[in-house]
Amino acid sequence: MTTLEVKLRTAAAADTDLTALLGTSPFRWYDTQLDQGSAMPAVVVLRVTYPRNYALNARMTTGQARMQFTIWGATGEQARSVEAALLTFLDGFDAIGKANLSQYPNRVVMSRAGLYAQTQPARYLVIDDVMVWNDEAVS
């Protein structure tokens, strides 16, 4: 079984708009926490919740996970540019194996901007919480 985090990273690394902004070696897309000393911009993906659904006596393989994307940038404009590319990527991201089905949209449920001032220089960030459909049976 391929985790949703791996599906997201693999698809994001193949997206030319994201790789133009996040690089390729390394691709600055991190799981759970930003690597210390990472170049900017960068994206950190954190699974907020992934409730399981059941039908009769079995767990369903499909469901929605709430994923948090924290976009770090050296400037606010840099962070917003990565956010725009990320949202375009999520418009077509398919983790259930049924592309272009309108009943399985990825949905942004929260978006906010911020500043991490305890670094020199300060780091700008944008946080998007997204409900992402996933089918655990699809690699």
N, C-alpha and C. Protein backbone atom coordinates (compact mmCIF):
# COMPACT_ATOMS: atom_id res chain seq x y z
N MET A 1 0.84 -1.18 0.00
CA MET A 1 0.00 0.00 0.00
C MET A 1 0.89 1.25 0.00
N THR A 2 0.58 2.16 -0.89
CA THR A 2 1.30 3.42 -0.96
C THR A 2 0.56 4.45 -0.12
N THR A 3 1.26 5.10 0.79
CA THR A 3 0.60 6.10 1.65
C THR A 3 0.24 7.34 0.85
N LEU A 4 -0.71 8.08 1.36
CA LEU A 4 -1.12 9.33 0.71
C LEU A 4 0.04 10.31 0.65
N GLU A 5 0.87 10.34 1.70
CA GLU A 5 2.02 11.23 1.71
C GLU A 5 2.97 10.92 0.54
N VAL A 6 3.19 9.63 0.28
CA VAL A 6 4.07 9.23 -0.82
C VAL A 6 3.42 9.55 -2.16
N LYS A 7 2.11 9.32 -2.28
CA LYS A 7 1.41 9.65 -3.53
C LYS A 7 1.52 11.15 -3.83
N LEU A 8 1.32 11.97 -2.81
CA LEU A 8 1.41 13.42 -2.99
C LEU A 8 2.81 13.84 -3.42
N ARG A 9 3.83 13.34 -2.72
CA ARG A 9 5.21 13.73 -3.04
C ARG A 9 5.61 13.27 -4.43
N THR A 10 5.26 12.06 -4.80
CA THR A 10 5.62 11.53 -6.12
C THR A 10 4.97 12.36 -7.22
N ALA A 11 3.69 12.65 -7.07
CA ALA A 11 2.99 13.45 -8.08
C ALA A 11 3.51 14.88 -8.11
N ALA A 12 3.78 15.46 -6.93
CA ALA A 12 4.30 16.84 -6.88
C ALA A 12 5.68 16.94 -7.53
N ALA A 13 6.53 15.93 -7.32
CA ALA A 13 7.88 15.93 -7.91
C ALA A 13 7.84 15.81 -9.43
N ALA A 14 6.71 15.35 -9.97
CA ALA A 14 6.55 15.25 -11.42
C ALA A 14 5.89 16.49 -12.02
N ASP A 15 5.47 17.42 -11.17
CA ASP A 15 4.80 18.64 -11.63
C ASP A 15 5.83 19.70 -11.96
N THR A 16 5.87 20.14 -13.20
CA THR A 16 6.92 21.06 -13.64
C THR A 16 6.83 22.43 -12.96
N ASP A 17 5.63 22.90 -12.68
CA ASP A 17 5.51 24.20 -12.00
C ASP A 17 6.07 24.13 -10.59
N LEU A 18 5.79 23.04 -9.88
CA LEU A 18 6.31 22.90 -8.51
C LEU A 18 7.83 22.68 -8.51
N THR A 19 8.34 21.86 -9.43
CA THR A 19 9.79 21.64 -9.44
C THR A 19 10.54 22.89 -9.86
N ALA A 20 9.92 23.74 -10.67
CA ALA A 20 10.57 25.01 -11.03
C ALA A 20 10.76 25.88 -9.79
N LEU A 21 9.84 25.79 -8.84
CA LEU A 21 9.91 26.59 -7.62
C LEU A 21 10.65 25.90 -6.48
N LEU A 22 10.49 24.57 -6.37
CA LEU A 22 11.03 23.83 -5.23
C LEU A 22 12.31 23.06 -5.54
N GLY A 23 12.77 23.13 -6.78
CA GLY A 23 14.01 22.45 -7.16
C GLY A 23 13.80 20.96 -7.39
N THR A 24 14.88 20.31 -7.77
CA THR A 24 14.80 18.87 -8.02
C THR A 24 15.84 18.07 -7.24
N SER A 25 16.89 18.71 -6.81
CA SER A 25 17.96 17.98 -6.13
C SER A 25 18.56 18.85 -5.01
N PRO A 26 17.91 18.93 -3.87
CA PRO A 26 16.74 18.17 -3.49
C PRO A 26 15.44 18.86 -3.90
N PHE A 27 14.39 18.07 -3.98
CA PHE A 27 13.03 18.59 -4.14
C PHE A 27 12.59 18.98 -2.74
N ARG A 28 12.38 20.26 -2.51
CA ARG A 28 12.13 20.77 -1.15
C ARG A 28 10.66 20.58 -0.74
N TRP A 29 10.27 19.33 -0.59
CA TRP A 29 8.93 18.90 -0.19
C TRP A 29 9.14 17.93 0.96
N TYR A 30 8.77 18.33 2.17
CA TYR A 30 9.14 17.58 3.37
C TYR A 30 7.92 16.97 4.05
N ASP A 31 8.15 15.85 4.72
CA ASP A 31 7.12 15.15 5.47
C ASP A 31 7.17 15.59 6.93
N THR A 32 6.11 16.19 7.41
CA THR A 32 5.87 16.55 8.81
C THR A 32 6.65 17.78 9.30
N GLN A 33 7.93 17.90 8.97
CA GLN A 33 8.72 19.00 9.52
C GLN A 33 9.75 19.49 8.49
N LEU A 34 10.00 20.78 8.51
CA LEU A 34 11.00 21.39 7.64
C LEU A 34 12.39 20.96 8.10
N ASP A 35 13.23 20.53 7.17
CA ASP A 35 14.61 20.20 7.51
C ASP A 35 15.36 21.46 7.91
N GLN A 36 16.14 21.37 8.97
CA GLN A 36 16.92 22.51 9.43
C GLN A 36 17.88 22.94 8.33
N GLY A 37 17.93 24.24 8.07
CA GLY A 37 18.82 24.78 7.06
C GLY A 37 18.33 24.64 5.63
N SER A 38 17.08 24.22 5.46
CA SER A 38 16.52 24.04 4.12
C SER A 38 16.49 25.37 3.38
N ALA A 39 16.76 25.30 2.09
CA ALA A 39 16.63 26.48 1.24
C ALA A 39 15.14 26.80 1.07
N MET A 40 14.87 28.04 0.73
CA MET A 40 13.50 28.48 0.50
C MET A 40 13.29 28.70 -0.99
N PRO A 41 12.11 28.51 -1.49
CA PRO A 41 10.90 28.08 -0.79
C PRO A 41 10.90 26.58 -0.55
N ALA A 42 10.00 26.15 0.31
CA ALA A 42 9.86 24.74 0.65
C ALA A 42 8.41 24.48 1.07
N VAL A 43 8.01 23.22 0.96
CA VAL A 43 6.66 22.80 1.37
C VAL A 43 6.81 21.68 2.40
N VAL A 44 6.02 21.78 3.47
CA VAL A 44 5.96 20.73 4.48
C VAL A 44 4.53 20.19 4.48
N VAL A 45 4.40 18.85 4.40
CA VAL A 45 3.09 18.21 4.39
C VAL A 45 2.89 17.45 5.70
N LEU A 46 1.77 17.71 6.34
CA LEU A 46 1.45 17.08 7.61
C LEU A 46 0.03 16.51 7.53
N ARG A 47 -0.13 15.25 7.88
CA ARG A 47 -1.47 14.66 7.94
C ARG A 47 -2.12 15.12 9.24
N VAL A 48 -3.22 15.85 9.12
CA VAL A 48 -3.93 16.35 10.30
C VAL A 48 -4.85 15.27 10.84
N THR A 49 -5.63 14.68 9.96
CA THR A 49 -6.54 13.60 10.36
C THR A 49 -6.89 12.77 9.14
N TYR A 50 -7.15 11.50 9.38
CA TYR A 50 -7.54 10.59 8.31
C TYR A 50 -8.56 9.60 8.88
N PRO A 51 -9.80 10.07 9.07
CA PRO A 51 -10.81 9.18 9.64
C PRO A 51 -11.12 8.03 8.69
N ARG A 52 -11.33 6.85 9.24
CA ARG A 52 -11.64 5.67 8.43
C ARG A 52 -13.16 5.49 8.38
N ASN A 53 -13.64 5.02 7.24
CA ASN A 53 -15.06 4.76 7.04
C ASN A 53 -15.30 3.26 6.99
N TYR A 54 -16.44 2.84 7.53
CA TYR A 54 -16.78 1.42 7.55
C TYR A 54 -18.15 1.20 6.93
N ALA A 55 -18.29 0.06 6.26
CA ALA A 55 -19.56 -0.35 5.70
C ALA A 55 -19.75 -1.82 6.07
N LEU A 56 -20.88 -2.12 6.65
CA LEU A 56 -21.16 -3.48 7.14
C LEU A 56 -20.06 -3.92 8.09
N ASN A 57 -19.26 -4.91 7.72
CA ASN A 57 -18.24 -5.40 8.63
C ASN A 57 -16.82 -5.19 8.09
N ALA A 58 -16.66 -4.20 7.21
CA ALA A 58 -15.34 -3.98 6.62
C ALA A 58 -15.02 -2.49 6.54
N ARG A 59 -13.74 -2.20 6.58
CA ARG A 59 -13.30 -0.81 6.41
C ARG A 59 -13.23 -0.50 4.93
N MET A 60 -13.77 0.65 4.53
CA MET A 60 -13.72 1.07 3.14
C MET A 60 -12.30 1.56 2.82
N THR A 61 -11.85 1.33 1.61
CA THR A 61 -10.50 1.77 1.23
C THR A 61 -10.46 3.23 0.83
N THR A 62 -11.63 3.83 0.54
CA THR A 62 -11.65 5.23 0.14
C THR A 62 -12.10 6.11 1.29
N GLY A 63 -11.60 7.32 1.31
CA GLY A 63 -11.96 8.29 2.32
C GLY A 63 -11.22 9.59 2.10
N GLN A 64 -11.49 10.55 2.95
CA GLN A 64 -10.84 11.85 2.85
C GLN A 64 -9.88 12.04 4.02
N ALA A 65 -8.71 12.52 3.68
CA ALA A 65 -7.71 12.88 4.68
C ALA A 65 -7.57 14.39 4.69
N ARG A 66 -7.40 14.96 5.87
CA ARG A 66 -7.13 16.40 5.95
C ARG A 66 -5.62 16.56 6.04
N MET A 67 -5.06 17.16 5.01
CA MET A 67 -3.62 17.36 4.90
C MET A 67 -3.32 18.85 5.04
N GLN A 68 -2.27 19.16 5.78
CA GLN A 68 -1.86 20.55 5.95
C GLN A 68 -0.57 20.77 5.16
N PHE A 69 -0.60 21.75 4.29
CA PHE A 69 0.55 22.14 3.49
C PHE A 69 1.06 23.47 4.03
N THR A 70 2.25 23.48 4.61
CA THR A 70 2.86 24.72 5.08
C THR A 70 3.91 25.10 4.06
N ILE A 71 3.72 26.24 3.46
CA ILE A 71 4.61 26.72 2.40
C ILE A 71 5.50 27.80 2.99
N TRP A 72 6.79 27.55 2.98
CA TRP A 72 7.78 28.47 3.53
C TRP A 72 8.42 29.25 2.40
N GLY A 73 8.65 30.54 2.62
CA GLY A 73 9.30 31.36 1.62
C GLY A 73 10.16 32.44 2.25
N ALA A 74 11.13 32.91 1.49
CA ALA A 74 11.99 34.00 1.96
C ALA A 74 11.23 35.32 1.95
N THR A 75 10.19 35.41 1.11
CA THR A 75 9.33 36.59 1.04
C THR A 75 7.89 36.11 0.98
N GLY A 76 6.98 37.02 1.29
CA GLY A 76 5.57 36.68 1.18
C GLY A 76 5.19 36.34 -0.24
N GLU A 77 5.73 37.08 -1.19
CA GLU A 77 5.42 36.83 -2.61
C GLU A 77 5.91 35.45 -3.04
N GLN A 78 7.08 35.04 -2.56
CA GLN A 78 7.61 33.71 -2.89
C GLN A 78 6.68 32.62 -2.36
N ALA A 79 6.23 32.76 -1.12
CA ALA A 79 5.32 31.79 -0.53
C ALA A 79 4.00 31.74 -1.29
N ARG A 80 3.48 32.90 -1.69
CA ARG A 80 2.22 32.93 -2.43
C ARG A 80 2.37 32.33 -3.83
N SER A 81 3.53 32.47 -4.45
CA SER A 81 3.78 31.86 -5.76
C SER A 81 3.75 30.34 -5.66
N VAL A 82 4.37 29.81 -4.62
CA VAL A 82 4.34 28.35 -4.42
C VAL A 82 2.92 27.91 -4.11
N GLU A 83 2.18 28.69 -3.32
CA GLU A 83 0.80 28.32 -3.02
C GLU A 83 -0.03 28.24 -4.31
N ALA A 84 0.14 29.20 -5.20
CA ALA A 84 -0.60 29.18 -6.47
C ALA A 84 -0.29 27.91 -7.26
N ALA A 85 0.98 27.54 -7.34
CA ALA A 85 1.36 26.32 -8.06
C ALA A 85 0.81 25.08 -7.35
N LEU A 86 0.83 25.07 -6.01
CA LEU A 86 0.32 23.94 -5.25
C LEU A 86 -1.18 23.77 -5.47
N LEU A 87 -1.93 24.87 -5.45
CA LEU A 87 -3.37 24.78 -5.63
C LEU A 87 -3.72 24.29 -7.04
N THR A 88 -2.96 24.73 -8.05
CA THR A 88 -3.16 24.23 -9.41
C THR A 88 -2.86 22.73 -9.47
N PHE A 89 -1.79 22.30 -8.81
CA PHE A 89 -1.45 20.88 -8.74
C PHE A 89 -2.59 20.09 -8.10
N LEU A 90 -3.14 20.60 -6.99
CA LEU A 90 -4.21 19.88 -6.29
C LEU A 90 -5.50 19.82 -7.09
N ASP A 91 -5.70 20.76 -8.02
CA ASP A 91 -6.88 20.72 -8.89
C ASP A 91 -6.95 19.41 -9.67
N GLY A 92 -5.80 18.85 -10.02
CA GLY A 92 -5.79 17.62 -10.81
C GLY A 92 -5.22 16.41 -10.10
N PHE A 93 -4.83 16.56 -8.82
CA PHE A 93 -4.24 15.43 -8.10
C PHE A 93 -5.29 14.34 -7.90
N ASP A 94 -4.92 13.09 -8.22
CA ASP A 94 -5.82 11.96 -8.16
C ASP A 94 -5.19 10.82 -7.37
N ALA A 95 -5.67 10.59 -6.16
CA ALA A 95 -5.14 9.51 -5.33
C ALA A 95 -6.13 8.35 -5.21
N ILE A 96 -7.18 8.37 -6.06
CA ILE A 96 -8.16 7.30 -5.99
C ILE A 96 -8.22 6.49 -7.28
N GLY A 97 -7.49 6.92 -8.32
CA GLY A 97 -7.45 6.16 -9.55
C GLY A 97 -8.64 6.36 -10.46
N LYS A 98 -9.38 7.44 -10.25
CA LYS A 98 -10.54 7.75 -11.09
C LYS A 98 -10.46 9.23 -11.47
N ALA A 99 -9.61 9.55 -12.40
CA ALA A 99 -9.35 10.94 -12.77
C ALA A 99 -10.61 11.63 -13.30
N ASN A 100 -10.68 12.93 -13.08
CA ASN A 100 -11.71 13.82 -13.61
C ASN A 100 -13.13 13.52 -13.14
N LEU A 101 -13.26 12.96 -11.96
CA LEU A 101 -14.59 12.74 -11.39
C LEU A 101 -14.91 13.89 -10.45
N SER A 102 -15.95 14.62 -10.75
CA SER A 102 -16.27 15.81 -9.94
C SER A 102 -16.69 15.46 -8.52
N GLN A 103 -17.12 14.22 -8.26
CA GLN A 103 -17.53 13.89 -6.90
C GLN A 103 -16.34 13.61 -5.98
N TYR A 104 -15.12 13.62 -6.52
CA TYR A 104 -13.92 13.40 -5.72
C TYR A 104 -12.97 14.59 -5.78
N PRO A 105 -13.45 15.79 -5.48
CA PRO A 105 -12.55 16.93 -5.56
C PRO A 105 -11.66 17.03 -4.32
N ASN A 106 -10.49 17.60 -4.51
CA ASN A 106 -9.68 17.99 -3.37
C ASN A 106 -10.18 19.38 -2.99
N ARG A 107 -10.38 19.63 -1.72
CA ARG A 107 -11.06 20.85 -1.29
C ARG A 107 -10.24 21.56 -0.23
N VAL A 108 -9.89 22.83 -0.49
CA VAL A 108 -9.19 23.65 0.51
C VAL A 108 -10.23 24.09 1.54
N VAL A 109 -9.99 23.73 2.80
CA VAL A 109 -10.96 24.08 3.85
C VAL A 109 -10.45 25.20 4.76
N MET A 110 -9.18 25.56 4.61
CA MET A 110 -8.63 26.65 5.40
C MET A 110 -7.35 27.14 4.75
N SER A 111 -7.18 28.45 4.70
CA SER A 111 -5.95 29.03 4.17
C SER A 111 -5.62 30.27 5.00
N ARG A 112 -4.36 30.35 5.42
CA ARG A 112 -3.94 31.51 6.19
C ARG A 112 -2.48 31.81 5.91
N ALA A 113 -2.10 33.05 6.16
CA ALA A 113 -0.72 33.48 5.95
C ALA A 113 -0.12 33.85 7.30
N GLY A 114 1.21 33.79 7.37
CA GLY A 114 1.86 34.12 8.62
C GLY A 114 3.32 34.49 8.42
N LEU A 115 3.98 34.77 9.51
CA LEU A 115 5.38 35.16 9.51
C LEU A 115 6.04 34.50 10.72
N TYR A 116 7.14 33.83 10.48
CA TYR A 116 7.93 33.25 11.56
C TYR A 116 9.09 34.21 11.80
N ALA A 117 8.94 35.07 12.81
CA ALA A 117 9.86 36.18 13.01
C ALA A 117 11.10 35.82 13.82
N GLN A 118 11.17 34.60 14.38
CA GLN A 118 12.28 34.25 15.25
C GLN A 118 13.50 33.74 14.48
N THR A 119 13.53 33.99 13.20
CA THR A 119 14.70 33.62 12.40
C THR A 119 15.28 34.89 11.78
N GLN A 120 16.51 34.83 11.41
CA GLN A 120 17.16 35.95 10.72
C GLN A 120 17.61 35.47 9.36
N PRO A 121 17.03 35.91 8.29
CA PRO A 121 15.88 36.83 8.25
C PRO A 121 14.57 36.09 8.58
N ALA A 122 13.52 36.86 8.78
CA ALA A 122 12.21 36.28 9.06
C ALA A 122 11.78 35.40 7.88
N ARG A 123 10.96 34.39 8.14
CA ARG A 123 10.44 33.50 7.11
C ARG A 123 8.94 33.68 7.00
N TYR A 124 8.47 33.79 5.77
CA TYR A 124 7.06 33.93 5.49
C TYR A 124 6.46 32.55 5.25
N LEU A 125 5.19 32.41 5.59
CA LEU A 125 4.56 31.13 5.35
C LEU A 125 3.10 31.29 5.00
N VAL A 126 2.61 30.30 4.28
CA VAL A 126 1.20 30.17 3.95
C VAL A 126 0.82 28.75 4.35
N ILE A 127 -0.31 28.60 5.04
CA ILE A 127 -0.77 27.28 5.46
C ILE A 127 -2.12 27.01 4.82
N ASP A 128 -2.22 25.90 4.08
CA ASP A 128 -3.47 25.47 3.47
C ASP A 128 -3.83 24.11 4.02
N ASP A 129 -5.04 23.99 4.57
CA ASP A 129 -5.57 22.69 4.96
C ASP A 129 -6.47 22.22 3.83
N VAL A 130 -6.22 20.99 3.35
CA VAL A 130 -6.92 20.49 2.17
C VAL A 130 -7.49 19.11 2.48
N MET A 131 -8.76 18.90 2.15
CA MET A 131 -9.36 17.57 2.22
C MET A 131 -9.03 16.87 0.91
N VAL A 132 -8.33 15.75 1.01
CA VAL A 132 -7.85 15.02 -0.16
C VAL A 132 -8.48 13.63 -0.16
N TRP A 133 -9.12 13.28 -1.28
CA TRP A 133 -9.67 11.93 -1.42
C TRP A 133 -8.53 10.95 -1.66
N ASN A 134 -8.63 9.78 -1.04
CA ASN A 134 -7.61 8.76 -1.21
C ASN A 134 -8.28 7.38 -1.25
N ASP A 135 -7.71 6.51 -2.04
CA ASP A 135 -8.10 5.10 -2.05
C ASP A 135 -6.85 4.31 -1.68
N GLU A 136 -6.87 3.68 -0.53
CA GLU A 136 -5.70 2.94 -0.06
C GLU A 136 -5.36 1.75 -0.94
N ALA A 137 -6.30 1.31 -1.76
CA ALA A 137 -6.04 0.17 -2.64
C ALA A 137 -5.34 0.57 -3.92
N VAL A 138 -5.21 1.87 -4.17
CA VAL A 138 -4.56 2.38 -5.38
C VAL A 138 -3.14 2.83 -5.04
N SER A 139 -2.17 2.33 -5.79
CA SER A 139 -0.76 2.72 -5.55
C SER A 139 -0.46 4.04 -6.20
